């Protein structure tokens, strides 16, 4: 599936896939079992509760200003996007970039920062984030999704960078 950030259906599909895929990746990276998605206050987030998750993450971010927590920054950005009818990530982009400043290789932050950059029309930045994500060990399914998207982004970004050759 090619990325078309102007289509709400594409945004929803990418976010849904990202939420599931990134959770699996993060759980694998942390070497612990995959649990239900939880808000910053530890409560499970159920369908339709994204506004409550946004509030919980906002409160957690307020309490951790002196020592920001990367997972909370990313979780807040994700919850804000999912709470929006259009699932747009532009309003969350700064959270993902802040998370990457604190932890440059954070897989979920790289994924969402790339999606936010695409929605902003910045294929080169999206490509840089996803190239970094691609260099990390990933399950084959995730690697093939990234490879396909990187080829699309390489065409959009032109001379600034090249996607890895598929093989």
Foldseek 3Di string as FASTA:
>chain_A
DEQDLVDLVSLVVLLVCLVVQLQVVVCVVVVHDRDADAAPVGHHQDPPCLVVSLVRLVVVCVVQVVPDDLVSLLSNQSSVLSVDPSSARQVSLVSLVVSCVVPVLNLSSLSSNLVNCVNVVNLLSSLVSLQSNLVDDDPPVVNVVSQVHNCVSCVSNPPNDHRDDDD
